[in-house]
Amino acid sequence: MANRIVITKSEVSNIVSELQAEQTNITGYGKKLNSELDAVNKAWEGTDAVAYTGKMRDDYVFLLGKLNESLQSYIDFLNGVYGEYEKHDTKFAGMTIGV
């Protein structure tokens, strides 16, 4: 079995659950960062404040969103893998191998 990855259906499901939990965490981090930046904007006025909070939103909040998008793509892929497991489990469930 050289160059093969062996993973079970339940492992795929567990990985999807873990990734979805991470997505929730990342979304929370983005919301918290936005809230903190709003607070900075209220306490610190002027062009420097706007530049700082704008850069933080552009650099970090944006990237957290991109990370979530990437995770979602991987989750979608893994859900497809899980679906293939289900399809083949159903197809071969009643079969036996005469050995």
C-alpha atoms as a PDB file:
ATOM      1  CA  MET A   1       0.000   0.000   0.000  1.00  0.00           C
ATOM      2  CA  ALA A   2       2.781   2.398  -0.819  1.00  0.00           C
ATOM      3  CA  ASN A   3       1.751   5.971  -1.539  1.00  0.00           C
ATOM      4  CA  ARG A   4      -1.803   5.439  -0.263  1.00  0.00           C
ATOM      5  CA  ILE A   5      -3.653   7.271   2.448  1.00  0.00           C
ATOM      6  CA  VAL A   6      -6.054   5.130   4.429  1.00  0.00           C
ATOM      7  CA  ILE A   7      -8.784   6.937   6.324  1.00  0.00           C
ATOM      8  CA  THR A   8     -12.120   5.714   7.605  1.00  0.00           C
ATOM      9  CA  LYS A   9     -15.526   7.266   7.097  1.00  0.00           C
ATOM     10  CA  SER A  10     -15.753   8.164  10.787  1.00  0.00           C
ATOM     11  CA  GLU A  11     -12.328   9.831  10.659  1.00  0.00           C
ATOM     12  CA  VAL A  12     -13.492  11.957   7.725  1.00  0.00           C
ATOM     13  CA  SER A  13     -16.587  12.929   9.686  1.00  0.00           C
ATOM     14  CA  ASN A  14     -14.486  13.810  12.749  1.00  0.00           C
ATOM     15  CA  ILE A  15     -12.133  15.954  10.692  1.00  0.00           C
ATOM     16  CA  VAL A  16     -15.081  17.827   9.169  1.00  0.00           C
ATOM     17  CA  SER A  17     -16.475  18.482  12.654  1.00  0.00           C
ATOM     18  CA  GLU A  18     -13.101  19.750  13.877  1.00  0.00           C
ATOM     19  CA  LEU A  19     -12.685  22.036  10.874  1.00  0.00           C
ATOM     20  CA  GLN A  20     -16.184  23.431  11.332  1.00  0.00           C
ATOM     21  CA  ALA A  21     -15.361  24.170  14.976  1.00  0.00           C
ATOM     22  CA  GLU A  22     -12.219  25.989  13.845  1.00  0.00           C
ATOM     23  CA  GLN A  23     -14.289  27.994  11.376  1.00  0.00           C
ATOM     24  CA  THR A  24     -16.534  29.061  14.235  1.00  0.00           C
ATOM     25  CA  ASN A  25     -13.468  30.089  16.262  1.00  0.00           C
ATOM     26  CA  ILE A  26     -12.016  32.058  13.356  1.00  0.00           C
ATOM     27  CA  THR A  27     -15.328  33.817  12.778  1.00  0.00           C
ATOM     28  CA  GLY A  28     -15.358  34.725  16.471  1.00  0.00           C
ATOM     29  CA  TYR A  29     -11.802  36.069  16.260  1.00  0.00           C
ATOM     30  CA  GLY A  30     -12.790  38.215  13.286  1.00  0.00           C
ATOM     31  CA  LYS A  31     -15.812  39.621  15.107  1.00  0.00           C
ATOM     32  CA  LYS A  32     -13.757  40.297  18.231  1.00  0.00           C
ATOM     33  CA  LEU A  33     -11.046  42.026  16.214  1.00  0.00           C
ATOM     34  CA  ASN A  34     -13.650  44.162  14.434  1.00  0.00           C
ATOM     35  CA  SER A  35     -15.146  45.093  17.795  1.00  0.00           C
ATOM     36  CA  GLU A  36     -11.720  46.022  19.168  1.00  0.00           C
ATOM     37  CA  LEU A  37     -10.987  48.110  16.091  1.00  0.00           C
ATOM     38  CA  ASP A  38     -14.318  49.900  16.493  1.00  0.00           C
ATOM     39  CA  ALA A  39     -13.314  50.707  20.076  1.00  0.00           C
ATOM     40  CA  VAL A  40      -9.933  52.027  18.902  1.00  0.00           C
ATOM     41  CA  ASN A  41     -11.702  54.202  16.340  1.00  0.00           C
ATOM     42  CA  LYS A  42     -13.879  55.728  19.068  1.00  0.00           C
ATOM     43  CA  ALA A  43     -10.958  56.364  21.444  1.00  0.00           C
ATOM     44  CA  TRP A  44      -8.415  57.516  18.885  1.00  0.00           C
ATOM     45  CA  GLU A  45      -9.508  60.087  16.330  1.00  0.00           C
ATOM     46  CA  GLY A  46      -7.920  61.372  13.187  1.00  0.00           C
ATOM     47  CA  THR A  47      -6.312  60.073  10.061  1.00  0.00           C
ATOM     48  CA  ASP A  48      -3.838  57.890  11.969  1.00  0.00           C
ATOM     49  CA  ALA A  49      -6.696  56.019  13.638  1.00  0.00           C
ATOM     50  CA  VAL A  50      -8.461  55.528  10.325  1.00  0.00           C
ATOM     51  CA  ALA A  51      -5.234  54.371   8.686  1.00  0.00           C
ATOM     52  CA  TYR A  52      -4.423  51.951  11.527  1.00  0.00           C
ATOM     53  CA  THR A  53      -7.869  50.394  11.793  1.00  0.00           C
ATOM     54  CA  GLY A  54      -8.200  50.241   8.019  1.00  0.00           C
ATOM     55  CA  LYS A  55      -4.871  48.449   7.711  1.00  0.00           C
ATOM     56  CA  MET A  56      -5.781  46.024  10.489  1.00  0.00           C
ATOM     57  CA  ARG A  57      -9.110  45.249   8.812  1.00  0.00           C
ATOM     58  CA  ASP A  58      -7.483  44.891   5.400  1.00  0.00           C
ATOM     59  CA  ASP A  59      -4.622  42.748   6.645  1.00  0.00           C
ATOM     60  CA  TYR A  60      -6.146  40.617   9.391  1.00  0.00           C
ATOM     61  CA  VAL A  61      -9.932  40.581   9.231  1.00  0.00           C
ATOM     62  CA  PHE A  62      -9.768  40.048   5.471  1.00  0.00           C
ATOM     63  CA  LEU A  63      -7.266  37.201   5.878  1.00  0.00           C
ATOM     64  CA  LEU A  64      -9.398  35.533   8.544  1.00  0.00           C
ATOM     65  CA  GLY A  65     -12.233  35.568   6.021  1.00  0.00           C
ATOM     66  CA  LYS A  66      -9.988  34.063   3.346  1.00  0.00           C
ATOM     67  CA  LEU A  67      -8.869  31.372   5.790  1.00  0.00           C
ATOM     68  CA  ASN A  68     -12.502  30.511   6.474  1.00  0.00           C
ATOM     69  CA  GLU A  69     -13.147  30.290   2.732  1.00  0.00           C
ATOM     70  CA  SER A  70     -10.219  27.899   2.336  1.00  0.00           C
ATOM     71  CA  LEU A  71     -11.447  25.781   5.227  1.00  0.00           C
ATOM     72  CA  GLN A  72     -14.909  25.682   3.676  1.00  0.00           C
ATOM     73  CA  SER A  73     -13.461  24.448   0.382  1.00  0.00           C
ATOM     74  CA  TYR A  74     -11.654  21.666   2.219  1.00  0.00           C
ATOM     75  CA  ILE A  75     -14.798  20.831   4.222  1.00  0.00           C
ATOM     76  CA  ASP A  76     -16.772  20.620   0.970  1.00  0.00           C
ATOM     77  CA  PHE A  77     -14.124  18.272  -0.466  1.00  0.00           C
ATOM     78  CA  LEU A  78     -14.188  16.069   2.644  1.00  0.00           C
ATOM     79  CA  ASN A  79     -17.984  15.973   2.581  1.00  0.00           C
ATOM     80  CA  GLY A  80     -17.659  14.674  -0.980  1.00  0.00           C
ATOM     81  CA  VAL A  81     -15.254  11.992   0.228  1.00  0.00           C
ATOM     82  CA  TYR A  82     -17.726  11.060   2.952  1.00  0.00           C
ATOM     83  CA  GLY A  83     -20.503  10.869   0.346  1.00  0.00           C
ATOM     84  CA  GLU A  84     -18.415   8.473  -1.725  1.00  0.00           C
ATOM     85  CA  TYR A  85     -17.899   6.277   1.330  1.00  0.00           C
ATOM     86  CA  GLU A  86     -21.671   6.267   1.896  1.00  0.00           C
ATOM     87  CA  LYS A  87     -22.386   5.430  -1.735  1.00  0.00           C
ATOM     88  CA  HIS A  88     -19.940   2.535  -1.755  1.00  0.00           C
ATOM     89  CA  ASP A  89     -21.023   1.271   1.665  1.00  0.00           C
ATOM     90  CA  THR A  90     -24.563   1.044   0.357  1.00  0.00           C
ATOM     91  CA  LYS A  91     -23.524  -0.516  -2.930  1.00  0.00           C
ATOM     92  CA  PHE A  92     -21.362  -3.229  -1.407  1.00  0.00           C
ATOM     93  CA  ALA A  93     -23.154  -3.738   1.930  1.00  0.00           C
ATOM     94  CA  GLY A  94     -24.764  -7.088   1.037  1.00  0.00           C
ATOM     95  CA  MET A  95     -21.810  -8.526  -0.857  1.00  0.00           C
ATOM     96  CA  THR A  96     -19.445 -11.162   0.448  1.00  0.00           C
ATOM     97  CA  ILE A  97     -16.109 -12.293  -0.844  1.00  0.00           C
ATOM     98  CA  GLY A  98     -15.699 -16.039  -1.207  1.00  0.00           C
ATOM     99  CA  VAL A  99     -12.242 -16.720   0.123  1.00  0.00           C
END
